[in-house]
Protein backbone atom coordinates (compact mmCIF):
# COMPACT_ATOMS: atom_id res chain seq x y z
CA MET A 1 -52.51 -0.45 -19.43
CA GLN A 2 -54.07 -1.51 -22.72
CA ALA A 3 -51.89 -1.84 -25.79
CA ILE A 4 -51.83 -3.42 -29.22
CA THR A 5 -49.19 -6.15 -29.40
CA VAL A 6 -47.78 -8.43 -32.09
CA SER A 7 -46.02 -11.62 -31.04
CA ASP A 8 -45.59 -13.87 -34.09
CA ARG A 9 -43.40 -12.68 -36.93
CA GLU A 10 -45.05 -15.04 -39.40
CA ALA A 11 -48.71 -14.71 -38.39
CA LEU A 12 -48.52 -10.98 -37.51
CA ASP A 13 -51.21 -11.60 -34.89
CA LEU A 14 -52.12 -8.12 -33.67
CA SER A 15 -54.26 -8.10 -30.53
CA LEU A 16 -55.43 -5.83 -27.71
CA THR A 17 -53.49 -6.79 -24.57
CA GLU A 18 -52.99 -5.74 -20.96
CA LEU A 19 -49.36 -4.71 -20.35
CA PRO A 20 -47.47 -3.26 -17.37
CA HIS A 21 -47.06 0.52 -17.22
CA PRO A 22 -43.81 1.43 -19.07
CA HIS A 23 -40.65 2.34 -17.16
CA ALA A 24 -39.02 5.72 -17.71
CA ALA A 25 -35.29 5.18 -18.24
CA GLU A 26 -32.73 7.95 -17.94
CA ASN A 27 -33.61 10.91 -20.20
CA ASP A 28 -36.99 9.36 -20.99
CA VAL A 29 -40.49 10.68 -20.54
CA ILE A 30 -43.69 8.67 -20.18
CA VAL A 31 -46.33 10.05 -22.53
CA GLN A 32 -50.02 9.48 -21.98
CA VAL A 33 -51.02 8.76 -25.55
CA HIS A 34 -53.93 10.78 -26.93
CA ALA A 35 -53.41 9.77 -30.57
CA ALA A 36 -50.99 7.50 -32.41
CA GLY A 37 -49.92 6.80 -35.96
CA PHE A 38 -48.35 3.74 -37.53
CA THR A 39 -46.84 2.48 -40.77
CA ARG A 40 -48.15 -0.80 -42.17
CA GLY A 41 -44.71 -1.97 -43.21
CA GLU A 42 -43.30 -1.69 -39.70
CA LEU A 43 -44.47 -5.20 -38.85
CA THR A 44 -41.64 -6.47 -41.08
CA TRP A 45 -38.96 -4.11 -39.73
CA PRO A 46 -36.13 -5.74 -37.71
CA GLY A 47 -36.62 -3.23 -34.90
CA THR A 48 -40.18 -4.43 -34.35
CA TRP A 49 -38.81 -7.81 -33.27
CA THR A 50 -35.41 -7.12 -31.71
CA ASP A 51 -33.88 -4.51 -29.40
CA ARG A 52 -30.73 -2.50 -30.13
CA ALA A 53 -28.57 -5.44 -29.05
CA GLY A 54 -30.36 -7.79 -31.45
CA ARG A 55 -32.24 -9.66 -28.71
CA ASP A 56 -35.79 -10.85 -29.32
CA ARG A 57 -38.36 -8.50 -27.75
CA ALA A 58 -41.68 -9.99 -28.87
CA PRO A 59 -44.46 -9.42 -28.03
CA SER A 60 -43.90 -5.82 -29.08
CA VAL A 61 -46.10 -2.74 -29.37
CA PRO A 62 -46.13 -1.19 -32.87
CA GLY A 63 -46.71 2.45 -33.78
CA HIS A 64 -44.01 5.12 -33.79
CA GLU A 65 -45.93 8.39 -34.07
CA VAL A 66 -47.33 9.85 -30.89
CA SER A 67 -49.19 12.89 -29.64
CA GLY A 68 -50.13 13.24 -26.00
CA VAL A 69 -49.24 14.66 -22.62
CA VAL A 70 -46.11 14.12 -20.51
CA ALA A 71 -47.14 11.99 -17.53
CA GLU A 72 -43.75 11.25 -15.96
CA LEU A 73 -40.10 12.25 -16.27
CA GLY A 74 -37.20 9.82 -16.11
CA TYR A 75 -34.02 10.54 -14.18
CA GLY A 76 -32.02 13.39 -15.71
CA THR A 77 -34.73 14.40 -18.19
CA THR A 78 -34.73 18.11 -19.02
CA GLY A 79 -36.50 20.35 -21.50
CA LEU A 80 -40.01 18.99 -20.93
CA THR A 81 -42.40 19.13 -17.98
CA VAL A 82 -45.17 16.94 -16.57
CA GLY A 83 -48.50 17.94 -18.09
CA GLN A 84 -46.95 19.39 -21.25
CA ARG A 85 -48.52 18.59 -24.63
CA VAL A 86 -45.97 16.92 -26.93
CA PHE A 87 -45.70 15.00 -30.19
CA GLY A 88 -42.95 13.13 -31.94
CA LEU A 89 -41.31 9.92 -33.06
CA THR A 90 -40.67 6.92 -30.81
CA ASP A 91 -37.66 4.62 -30.98
CA TRP A 92 -37.76 1.91 -33.68
CA THR A 93 -36.45 -0.78 -31.30
CA ARG A 94 -38.69 -0.11 -28.29
CA ASP A 95 -42.40 -0.55 -27.66
CA GLY A 96 -44.35 2.04 -29.62
CA SER A 97 -47.34 4.31 -29.40
CA LEU A 98 -50.34 2.00 -29.90
CA ALA A 99 -50.82 1.92 -26.14
CA GLU A 100 -52.24 4.07 -23.38
CA TYR A 101 -48.72 5.06 -22.30
CA VAL A 102 -45.33 4.97 -24.03
CA ALA A 103 -41.75 5.61 -22.93
CA VAL A 104 -39.91 7.97 -25.30
CA GLU A 105 -36.52 9.66 -25.28
CA ALA A 106 -37.24 13.29 -24.47
CA ARG A 107 -35.08 14.51 -27.35
CA ASN A 108 -37.44 12.75 -29.82
CA LEU A 109 -40.41 14.92 -28.78
CA ALA A 110 -41.36 18.52 -29.43
CA PRO A 111 -43.89 20.75 -27.65
CA LEU A 112 -47.32 20.71 -29.29
CA PRO A 113 -48.74 24.23 -29.57
CA THR A 114 -52.18 24.96 -28.19
CA GLY A 115 -54.85 24.75 -30.84
CA ILE A 116 -53.41 21.74 -32.68
CA ASP A 117 -55.45 18.61 -32.01
CA HIS A 118 -53.73 15.36 -31.17
CA VAL A 119 -55.07 13.45 -34.18
CA THR A 120 -53.55 15.96 -36.59
CA ALA A 121 -50.27 16.01 -34.67
CA ALA A 122 -50.02 12.21 -34.62
CA ALA A 123 -50.32 12.13 -38.41
CA LEU A 124 -47.22 14.26 -38.90
CA PRO A 125 -43.99 12.88 -37.34
CA ILE A 126 -43.02 10.19 -39.87
CA SER A 127 -44.50 11.81 -42.98
CA GLY A 128 -43.42 15.31 -42.00
CA LEU A 129 -39.87 14.47 -40.97
CA THR A 130 -39.40 12.14 -43.96
CA ALA A 131 -40.54 14.84 -46.38
CA TRP A 132 -38.47 17.56 -44.70
CA GLN A 133 -35.28 15.53 -44.52
CA ALA A 134 -35.65 14.21 -48.07
CA LEU A 135 -36.22 17.62 -49.64
CA PHE A 136 -33.96 19.85 -47.58
CA ASP A 137 -31.34 17.74 -45.77
CA HIS A 138 -30.59 15.34 -48.63
CA ALA A 139 -31.75 16.98 -51.88
CA HIS A 140 -31.10 20.61 -50.79
CA LEU A 141 -34.19 21.80 -52.65
CA LYS A 142 -34.19 25.52 -53.49
CA ALA A 143 -36.66 28.07 -54.82
CA GLY A 144 -37.06 27.92 -58.59
CA GLN A 145 -36.17 24.25 -58.87
CA THR A 146 -38.47 21.51 -60.14
CA VAL A 147 -39.27 18.53 -57.93
CA LEU A 148 -40.96 15.30 -59.01
CA ILE A 149 -42.82 13.57 -56.17
CA HIS A 150 -43.95 9.98 -56.72
CA GLY A 151 -46.99 8.97 -54.69
CA VAL A 152 -48.04 12.56 -54.10
CA GLY A 153 -51.46 11.47 -52.85
CA GLY A 154 -49.98 9.54 -49.91
CA ALA A 155 -48.94 10.64 -46.43
CA VAL A 156 -45.30 11.49 -47.25
CA GLY A 157 -45.97 12.74 -50.78
CA SER A 158 -48.74 15.15 -49.81
CA VAL A 159 -46.65 16.75 -47.05
CA ALA A 160 -43.63 16.93 -49.35
CA ALA A 161 -45.68 18.72 -52.01
CA GLN A 162 -46.84 21.34 -49.52
CA LEU A 163 -43.33 21.94 -48.19
CA ALA A 164 -41.87 22.13 -51.69
CA ARG A 165 -44.48 24.63 -52.84
CA GLU A 166 -43.82 26.76 -49.78
CA ALA A 167 -40.09 26.66 -50.60
CA GLY A 168 -40.79 28.09 -54.06
CA ALA A 169 -40.31 24.93 -56.11
CA TYR A 170 -42.35 23.81 -59.11
CA VAL A 171 -44.04 20.58 -58.02
CA ILE A 172 -44.91 17.68 -60.32
CA GLY A 173 -46.83 14.88 -58.64
CA THR A 174 -47.44 11.33 -59.80
CA GLY A 175 -49.84 8.59 -58.80
CA ARG A 176 -52.40 6.18 -60.10
CA SER A 177 -55.18 8.74 -59.90
CA ASN A 178 -55.27 12.50 -59.48
CA PRO A 179 -55.70 13.36 -55.77
CA GLU A 180 -57.29 16.66 -56.85
CA SER A 181 -54.77 18.42 -54.69
CA ALA A 182 -53.99 22.11 -54.84
CA PHE A 183 -50.46 21.28 -53.68
CA VAL A 184 -49.07 20.38 -57.13
CA ASP A 185 -48.44 22.45 -60.22
CA GLN A 186 -48.74 19.42 -62.50
CA PHE A 187 -50.01 15.86 -62.05
CA ILE A 188 -49.35 12.83 -64.24
CA THR A 189 -50.64 9.28 -63.97
CA LEU A 190 -48.06 6.52 -63.92
CA GLU A 191 -49.15 4.84 -67.13
CA GLY A 192 -47.20 3.95 -70.24
CA ASP A 193 -44.58 6.54 -71.15
CA ASN A 194 -46.18 9.41 -69.24
CA LEU A 195 -43.22 9.58 -66.88
CA GLU A 196 -40.74 10.27 -69.68
CA ARG A 197 -42.84 13.26 -70.77
CA VAL A 198 -42.06 15.10 -67.53
CA GLY A 199 -38.78 16.45 -68.85
CA GLU A 200 -35.78 17.28 -66.72
CA VAL A 201 -36.15 17.90 -62.98
CA ASP A 202 -33.79 18.91 -60.20
CA VAL A 203 -35.11 16.60 -57.49
CA VAL A 204 -37.04 13.33 -57.40
CA LEU A 205 -38.66 12.14 -54.17
CA ASP A 206 -39.51 8.47 -54.56
CA VAL A 207 -41.79 6.57 -52.17
CA LEU A 208 -42.60 3.75 -54.61
CA GLY A 209 -39.28 2.15 -55.56
CA GLY A 210 -38.80 -0.45 -58.29
CA GLU A 211 -39.16 0.34 -61.97
CA ILE A 212 -40.58 3.85 -61.41
CA ARG A 213 -37.54 4.83 -59.36
CA ASN A 214 -35.13 3.37 -61.91
CA ARG A 215 -36.82 5.18 -64.82
CA SER A 216 -36.74 8.43 -62.86
CA THR A 217 -32.94 8.53 -62.74
CA ALA A 218 -32.90 9.53 -66.42
CA LEU A 219 -35.02 12.61 -65.68
CA LEU A 220 -32.50 14.33 -63.42
CA ARG A 221 -30.66 17.39 -64.63
CA PRO A 222 -26.88 17.32 -64.18
CA GLY A 223 -26.18 17.62 -60.46
CA GLY A 224 -29.75 16.60 -59.56
CA THR A 225 -30.72 14.32 -56.68
CA LEU A 226 -33.09 11.38 -56.40
CA VAL A 227 -34.06 10.57 -52.80
CA THR A 228 -35.75 7.22 -52.18
CA ILE A 229 -37.20 5.71 -49.01
CA PRO A 230 -38.42 2.15 -49.85
CA ASP A 231 -34.94 0.61 -50.25
CA PRO A 232 -31.48 1.49 -51.59
CA PRO A 233 -31.33 2.44 -55.28
CA THR A 234 -30.09 -0.10 -57.79
CA VAL A 235 -29.48 2.42 -60.59
CA GLN A 236 -27.49 5.64 -60.29
CA PRO A 237 -28.34 8.74 -62.38
CA PRO A 238 -25.88 9.42 -65.23
CA ALA A 239 -25.12 12.94 -64.03
CA GLY A 240 -26.54 13.15 -60.53
CA ARG A 241 -26.90 11.06 -57.41
CA ALA A 242 -29.43 8.70 -55.81
CA ILE A 243 -29.76 8.56 -52.03
CA PHE A 244 -31.58 6.19 -49.69
CA PHE A 245 -32.24 7.22 -46.10
CA VAL A 246 -34.24 6.30 -43.00
CA VAL A 247 -36.05 9.12 -41.24
CA GLU A 248 -34.57 10.30 -37.94
CA PRO A 249 -36.16 12.07 -34.97
CA ASN A 250 -35.43 15.80 -34.93
CA ARG A 251 -36.99 18.15 -32.34
CA THR A 252 -36.11 21.32 -34.25
CA GLN A 253 -37.73 20.08 -37.44
CA LEU A 254 -40.79 18.89 -35.51
CA ALA A 255 -41.14 22.38 -34.07
CA GLN A 256 -40.93 23.92 -37.55
CA LEU A 257 -43.60 21.51 -38.79
CA ALA A 258 -45.78 22.35 -35.78
CA ASP A 259 -45.49 26.05 -36.62
CA ARG A 260 -46.88 25.31 -40.07
CA LEU A 261 -49.72 23.31 -38.57
CA ARG A 262 -50.55 26.20 -36.24
CA GLN A 263 -50.46 28.72 -39.09
CA GLY A 264 -52.67 26.51 -41.26
CA THR A 265 -50.09 26.24 -44.05
CA LEU A 266 -49.58 22.48 -43.67
CA THR A 267 -52.21 19.73 -43.58
CA PRO A 268 -51.15 16.11 -42.99
CA LEU A 269 -53.19 13.32 -44.53
CA VAL A 270 -55.81 11.66 -42.31
CA THR A 271 -58.48 9.49 -43.94
CA LYS A 272 -59.85 7.60 -40.94
CA VAL A 273 -59.79 7.78 -37.13
CA ARG A 274 -60.28 4.63 -35.04
CA PRO A 275 -60.20 3.86 -31.28
CA LEU A 276 -57.47 1.69 -29.78
CA THR A 277 -59.88 -1.26 -29.61
CA GLU A 278 -59.98 -1.26 -33.43
CA ALA A 279 -56.28 -0.62 -34.03
CA ALA A 280 -55.50 -4.25 -34.89
CA ASN A 281 -57.88 -4.03 -37.84
CA ALA A 282 -56.59 -0.61 -38.89
CA PHE A 283 -53.45 -2.13 -40.45
CA THR A 284 -55.59 -3.23 -43.40
CA ASP A 285 -57.31 0.16 -43.85
CA PRO A 286 -56.70 1.98 -47.14
CA GLY A 287 -55.37 5.49 -46.79
CA ARG A 288 -54.06 6.97 -43.56
CA THR A 289 -55.59 5.86 -40.24
CA ILE A 290 -54.87 7.52 -36.89
CA ILE A 291 -55.69 5.83 -33.59
CA GLN A 292 -57.36 8.14 -31.08
CA LEU A 293 -57.22 7.13 -27.41
CA THR A 294 -58.33 10.31 -25.64
CA PRO A 295 -60.61 12.99 -27.15
């Protein structure tokens, strides 16, 4: 099969390569990939270069968001069937989705309803699950609360804004320029002291880190929560808490996100679609690129 591989941790030399068909371990499925998503930063993640035991596994296949069709079931796999449309999140420490086929634990996939195209589905697993888990699992966002979302024009931020609005929260978004999105109640540019003019909020979702995250701790109401995903917080709020987390696969949450896709109440960010032959160059694309393998 064809796949994108990276073999040198320093050079990050992405290339289109011929690889053997993946093996389906116990409780795995082999997915024929129709569309795949990736995160630029994953080329620096430890799991891209080592397996769960810490052993070197280069050359490795990046990409951890997948939408496709079940082609094969591993021993003991239940809950999915050959030919079924699925989407989900692949393991951080195994070869990923920028390939014609990928081996995935069945529990990390959810059925993809008819009518949802694979490109849209592939854009959702990381951004959708990150937004969901940040807002509801960690910050326990409720109707009537105010949430501040940094980077609201990006993949995670835009999904988070839509989910927060649906939940009945007042959404303030930040960024370097207004995304002209209908998903926020208020937008501010991250310049000067604009951030301090926001006032008190119940929840902060931070995808930027650094100084912006540290300044945001002072905006939390007593008992409020700041959730950050770039790296662990270095400053704790005076009367709240700051949490760092790494997104986890969750079939139930994927199914709930798929329902919103099907109903047209959720739209993940996609700015460009490329074929697998151009995936190596896609890591330098601005915005959100999805790799489409099969129409």
